[in-house]
Amino acid sequence: MCRHARSIGLQRAEDQEIIATAKLAGEAIITHDLDYGHLLAFSGEATPSVIILRTRNTHVDALTCRLDECWSDIEEPLRQGAIVTVEDAAVRIRLLPIVRDN
């Protein structure tokens, strides 16, 4: 099941509010916006997960097809907490939390 930010009254919400809502609901964020990956990478938190879509074809049918193609590879990392970047020919997974070496 997917919910659009607009359908839950968050169409004008700040990114941090959307992140907090997703975390509370145990949901992942699906977006084209790179800001979510940056915010989560530097948060020190393990959730929520985010899928960043970086495909040429942004039609909903094409995006759904692409997610179906890679779902078996990304499902478990998303449960654990991850930043997943889905491109036309590649998928990159970075588990959260991201810990900086000192």
N, C-alpha and C. Protein backbone atom coordinates (compact mmCIF):
# COMPACT_ATOMS: atom_id res chain seq x y z
N MET A 1 0.84 -1.18 0.00
CA MET A 1 0.00 0.00 0.00
C MET A 1 0.89 1.25 0.00
N CYS A 2 0.49 2.23 -0.74
CA CYS A 2 1.20 3.50 -0.79
C CYS A 2 0.24 4.63 -0.44
N ARG A 3 0.79 5.64 0.21
CA ARG A 3 0.01 6.85 0.49
C ARG A 3 0.80 8.03 -0.06
N HIS A 4 0.10 8.93 -0.70
CA HIS A 4 0.73 10.14 -1.20
C HIS A 4 0.68 11.18 -0.09
N ALA A 5 1.73 11.98 0.04
CA ALA A 5 1.76 13.01 1.08
C ALA A 5 0.51 13.89 1.02
N ARG A 6 0.04 14.18 -0.17
CA ARG A 6 -1.16 15.01 -0.33
C ARG A 6 -2.38 14.35 0.29
N SER A 7 -2.49 13.02 0.17
CA SER A 7 -3.68 12.32 0.67
C SER A 7 -3.76 12.29 2.19
N ILE A 8 -2.66 12.59 2.86
CA ILE A 8 -2.67 12.63 4.33
C ILE A 8 -2.39 14.04 4.85
N GLY A 9 -2.63 15.03 4.00
CA GLY A 9 -2.52 16.42 4.42
C GLY A 9 -1.11 16.95 4.56
N LEU A 10 -0.13 16.32 3.93
CA LEU A 10 1.26 16.75 4.07
C LEU A 10 1.82 17.37 2.80
N GLN A 11 0.95 17.82 1.89
CA GLN A 11 1.43 18.36 0.62
C GLN A 11 2.32 19.59 0.79
N ARG A 12 2.16 20.34 1.84
CA ARG A 12 3.00 21.52 2.08
C ARG A 12 3.94 21.34 3.27
N ALA A 13 4.07 20.13 3.73
CA ALA A 13 4.89 19.85 4.91
C ALA A 13 6.37 19.95 4.60
N GLU A 14 7.12 20.29 5.60
CA GLU A 14 8.58 20.28 5.51
C GLU A 14 9.04 18.82 5.43
N ASP A 15 10.21 18.61 4.83
CA ASP A 15 10.75 17.26 4.69
C ASP A 15 10.83 16.54 6.04
N GLN A 16 11.26 17.25 7.07
CA GLN A 16 11.40 16.63 8.40
C GLN A 16 10.07 16.13 8.94
N GLU A 17 8.98 16.82 8.65
CA GLU A 17 7.66 16.37 9.09
C GLU A 17 7.25 15.10 8.36
N ILE A 18 7.55 15.03 7.09
CA ILE A 18 7.25 13.82 6.31
C ILE A 18 8.09 12.65 6.82
N ILE A 19 9.34 12.90 7.12
CA ILE A 19 10.21 11.86 7.68
C ILE A 19 9.65 11.37 9.02
N ALA A 20 9.27 12.28 9.89
CA ALA A 20 8.73 11.90 11.20
C ALA A 20 7.44 11.09 11.06
N THR A 21 6.59 11.49 10.12
CA THR A 21 5.33 10.77 9.90
C THR A 21 5.60 9.36 9.40
N ALA A 22 6.53 9.22 8.44
CA ALA A 22 6.88 7.89 7.91
C ALA A 22 7.49 7.02 9.00
N LYS A 23 8.35 7.59 9.81
CA LYS A 23 8.98 6.83 10.89
C LYS A 23 7.94 6.33 11.88
N LEU A 24 7.04 7.19 12.28
CA LEU A 24 5.99 6.83 13.23
C LEU A 24 5.09 5.73 12.68
N ALA A 25 4.80 5.78 11.39
CA ALA A 25 3.91 4.79 10.76
C ALA A 25 4.65 3.53 10.31
N GLY A 26 5.98 3.51 10.41
CA GLY A 26 6.75 2.36 9.95
C GLY A 26 6.75 2.22 8.45
N GLU A 27 6.73 3.36 7.76
CA GLU A 27 6.66 3.38 6.29
C GLU A 27 7.99 3.84 5.70
N ALA A 28 8.17 3.52 4.43
CA ALA A 28 9.30 4.04 3.67
C ALA A 28 8.81 5.22 2.84
N ILE A 29 9.72 6.08 2.48
CA ILE A 29 9.43 7.23 1.63
C ILE A 29 9.90 6.90 0.23
N ILE A 30 9.05 7.12 -0.75
CA ILE A 30 9.42 6.96 -2.16
C ILE A 30 9.40 8.35 -2.78
N THR A 31 10.50 8.75 -3.39
CA THR A 31 10.63 10.13 -3.84
C THR A 31 11.60 10.26 -5.02
N HIS A 32 11.54 11.40 -5.66
CA HIS A 32 12.55 11.80 -6.66
C HIS A 32 13.51 12.80 -6.02
N ASP A 33 13.17 13.29 -4.84
CA ASP A 33 13.88 14.36 -4.16
C ASP A 33 15.12 13.82 -3.43
N LEU A 34 16.30 14.27 -3.83
CA LEU A 34 17.54 13.83 -3.21
C LEU A 34 17.69 14.29 -1.76
N ASP A 35 16.95 15.33 -1.37
CA ASP A 35 17.07 15.86 -0.01
C ASP A 35 16.79 14.80 1.05
N TYR A 36 15.84 13.91 0.80
CA TYR A 36 15.50 12.90 1.81
C TYR A 36 16.69 11.99 2.10
N GLY A 37 17.40 11.59 1.08
CA GLY A 37 18.59 10.77 1.28
C GLY A 37 19.63 11.49 2.11
N HIS A 38 19.84 12.77 1.84
CA HIS A 38 20.82 13.55 2.59
C HIS A 38 20.39 13.70 4.04
N LEU A 39 19.12 14.02 4.26
CA LEU A 39 18.62 14.19 5.63
C LEU A 39 18.76 12.91 6.43
N LEU A 40 18.41 11.78 5.83
CA LEU A 40 18.50 10.51 6.54
C LEU A 40 19.94 10.08 6.74
N ALA A 41 20.79 10.32 5.75
CA ALA A 41 22.19 9.92 5.86
C ALA A 41 22.88 10.61 7.03
N PHE A 42 22.52 11.85 7.29
CA PHE A 42 23.18 12.60 8.36
C PHE A 42 22.40 12.62 9.66
N SER A 43 21.27 11.90 9.71
CA SER A 43 20.44 11.90 10.91
C SER A 43 20.95 10.97 12.00
N GLY A 44 21.71 9.95 11.61
CA GLY A 44 22.15 8.96 12.58
C GLY A 44 21.07 7.95 12.92
N GLU A 45 19.92 8.05 12.28
CA GLU A 45 18.79 7.17 12.53
C GLU A 45 18.78 6.01 11.55
N ALA A 46 18.11 4.91 11.94
CA ALA A 46 18.00 3.74 11.07
C ALA A 46 16.71 3.73 10.27
N THR A 47 15.78 4.57 10.62
CA THR A 47 14.49 4.63 9.91
C THR A 47 14.04 6.08 9.83
N PRO A 48 13.17 6.39 8.89
CA PRO A 48 12.56 5.51 7.90
C PRO A 48 13.49 5.27 6.73
N SER A 49 13.18 4.24 5.98
CA SER A 49 13.90 3.99 4.74
C SER A 49 13.39 4.94 3.66
N VAL A 50 14.21 5.12 2.65
CA VAL A 50 13.80 5.96 1.53
C VAL A 50 14.22 5.29 0.22
N ILE A 51 13.34 5.34 -0.76
CA ILE A 51 13.64 4.91 -2.12
C ILE A 51 13.70 6.18 -2.96
N ILE A 52 14.86 6.43 -3.55
CA ILE A 52 15.03 7.60 -4.41
C ILE A 52 14.99 7.11 -5.85
N LEU A 53 14.02 7.57 -6.59
CA LEU A 53 13.83 7.17 -7.98
C LEU A 53 14.59 8.11 -8.90
N ARG A 54 15.52 7.54 -9.66
CA ARG A 54 16.36 8.32 -10.58
C ARG A 54 16.28 7.70 -11.98
N THR A 55 15.07 7.57 -12.48
CA THR A 55 14.84 6.95 -13.79
C THR A 55 14.44 8.00 -14.81
N ARG A 56 14.71 7.70 -16.07
CA ARG A 56 14.32 8.63 -17.13
C ARG A 56 12.80 8.69 -17.28
N ASN A 57 12.15 7.54 -17.29
CA ASN A 57 10.70 7.48 -17.46
C ASN A 57 10.05 7.57 -16.08
N THR A 58 9.34 8.65 -15.83
CA THR A 58 8.73 8.86 -14.52
C THR A 58 7.23 8.58 -14.50
N HIS A 59 6.72 7.97 -15.57
CA HIS A 59 5.31 7.59 -15.58
C HIS A 59 5.08 6.52 -14.51
N VAL A 60 3.96 6.60 -13.83
CA VAL A 60 3.69 5.70 -12.71
C VAL A 60 3.79 4.23 -13.10
N ASP A 61 3.35 3.87 -14.30
CA ASP A 61 3.44 2.47 -14.74
C ASP A 61 4.89 2.03 -14.89
N ALA A 62 5.73 2.89 -15.43
CA ALA A 62 7.15 2.56 -15.59
C ALA A 62 7.84 2.46 -14.24
N LEU A 63 7.50 3.36 -13.31
CA LEU A 63 8.10 3.31 -11.98
C LEU A 63 7.67 2.05 -11.24
N THR A 64 6.41 1.70 -11.35
CA THR A 64 5.91 0.48 -10.70
C THR A 64 6.61 -0.75 -11.26
N CYS A 65 6.77 -0.79 -12.56
CA CYS A 65 7.46 -1.90 -13.21
C CYS A 65 8.91 -1.99 -12.71
N ARG A 66 9.59 -0.86 -12.65
CA ARG A 66 10.99 -0.85 -12.21
C ARG A 66 11.11 -1.32 -10.76
N LEU A 67 10.20 -0.86 -9.90
CA LEU A 67 10.22 -1.30 -8.50
C LEU A 67 9.93 -2.79 -8.39
N ASP A 68 9.01 -3.30 -9.19
CA ASP A 68 8.73 -4.74 -9.20
C ASP A 68 9.98 -5.53 -9.59
N GLU A 69 10.73 -5.02 -10.57
CA GLU A 69 11.94 -5.71 -11.04
C GLU A 69 12.99 -5.85 -9.94
N CYS A 70 13.11 -4.85 -9.11
CA CYS A 70 14.19 -4.87 -8.11
C CYS A 70 13.70 -5.18 -6.70
N TRP A 71 12.40 -5.42 -6.52
CA TRP A 71 11.84 -5.56 -5.18
C TRP A 71 12.54 -6.65 -4.35
N SER A 72 12.84 -7.79 -4.96
CA SER A 72 13.46 -8.87 -4.18
C SER A 72 14.83 -8.47 -3.64
N ASP A 73 15.50 -7.54 -4.30
CA ASP A 73 16.80 -7.07 -3.83
C ASP A 73 16.70 -5.99 -2.75
N ILE A 74 15.61 -5.23 -2.75
CA ILE A 74 15.53 -4.09 -1.84
C ILE A 74 14.59 -4.29 -0.66
N GLU A 75 13.76 -5.32 -0.71
CA GLU A 75 12.75 -5.49 0.34
C GLU A 75 13.37 -5.62 1.74
N GLU A 76 14.32 -6.50 1.91
CA GLU A 76 14.92 -6.69 3.24
C GLU A 76 15.71 -5.47 3.71
N PRO A 77 16.54 -4.87 2.87
CA PRO A 77 17.20 -3.64 3.31
C PRO A 77 16.21 -2.54 3.73
N LEU A 78 15.09 -2.43 3.03
CA LEU A 78 14.09 -1.43 3.41
C LEU A 78 13.51 -1.74 4.78
N ARG A 79 13.32 -3.00 5.09
CA ARG A 79 12.82 -3.38 6.43
C ARG A 79 13.82 -3.02 7.51
N GLN A 80 15.11 -3.18 7.21
CA GLN A 80 16.17 -2.90 8.17
C GLN A 80 16.40 -1.41 8.36
N GLY A 81 16.21 -0.66 7.29
CA GLY A 81 16.51 0.77 7.26
C GLY A 81 17.59 1.03 6.24
N ALA A 82 17.23 1.69 5.15
CA ALA A 82 18.19 1.89 4.06
C ALA A 82 17.80 3.07 3.19
N ILE A 83 18.80 3.60 2.52
CA ILE A 83 18.59 4.54 1.43
C ILE A 83 18.82 3.73 0.16
N VAL A 84 17.79 3.61 -0.66
CA VAL A 84 17.85 2.82 -1.88
C VAL A 84 17.67 3.76 -3.05
N THR A 85 18.62 3.76 -3.96
CA THR A 85 18.53 4.56 -5.17
C THR A 85 18.26 3.62 -6.33
N VAL A 86 17.13 3.85 -7.00
CA VAL A 86 16.72 3.01 -8.12
C VAL A 86 16.92 3.82 -9.40
N GLU A 87 17.81 3.32 -10.24
CA GLU A 87 18.10 3.93 -11.53
C GLU A 87 17.61 3.00 -12.63
N ASP A 88 17.72 3.42 -13.87
CA ASP A 88 17.27 2.59 -14.98
C ASP A 88 18.00 1.25 -15.03
N ALA A 89 19.30 1.25 -14.82
CA ALA A 89 20.07 0.03 -14.99
C ALA A 89 20.79 -0.42 -13.72
N ALA A 90 20.51 0.23 -12.60
CA ALA A 90 21.22 -0.12 -11.37
C ALA A 90 20.36 0.19 -10.15
N VAL A 91 20.72 -0.47 -9.07
CA VAL A 91 20.11 -0.20 -7.76
C VAL A 91 21.25 -0.10 -6.77
N ARG A 92 21.26 0.97 -5.99
CA ARG A 92 22.28 1.14 -4.96
C ARG A 92 21.59 1.12 -3.60
N ILE A 93 22.17 0.39 -2.67
CA ILE A 93 21.59 0.26 -1.33
C ILE A 93 22.62 0.68 -0.31
N ARG A 94 22.22 1.58 0.56
CA ARG A 94 23.09 2.03 1.66
C ARG A 94 22.31 1.84 2.95
N LEU A 95 22.75 0.92 3.80
CA LEU A 95 22.05 0.65 5.04
C LEU A 95 22.19 1.81 6.02
N LEU A 96 21.14 2.03 6.78
CA LEU A 96 21.12 3.04 7.82
C LEU A 96 21.30 2.36 9.18
N PRO A 97 21.79 3.04 10.18
CA PRO A 97 22.32 4.39 10.12
C PRO A 97 23.70 4.41 9.48
N ILE A 98 24.02 5.54 8.89
CA ILE A 98 25.33 5.72 8.30
C ILE A 98 26.22 6.31 9.38
N VAL A 99 27.29 5.59 9.68
CA VAL A 99 28.19 5.99 10.75
C VAL A 99 29.46 6.54 10.12
N ARG A 100 29.81 7.73 10.52
CA ARG A 100 31.04 8.33 9.99
C ARG A 100 32.24 7.83 10.78
N ASP A 101 33.30 7.49 10.07
CA ASP A 101 34.55 7.10 10.73
C ASP A 101 35.23 8.35 11.26
N ASN A 102 35.79 8.25 12.44
CA ASN A 102 36.49 9.42 13.04
C ASN A 102 37.92 9.46 12.63
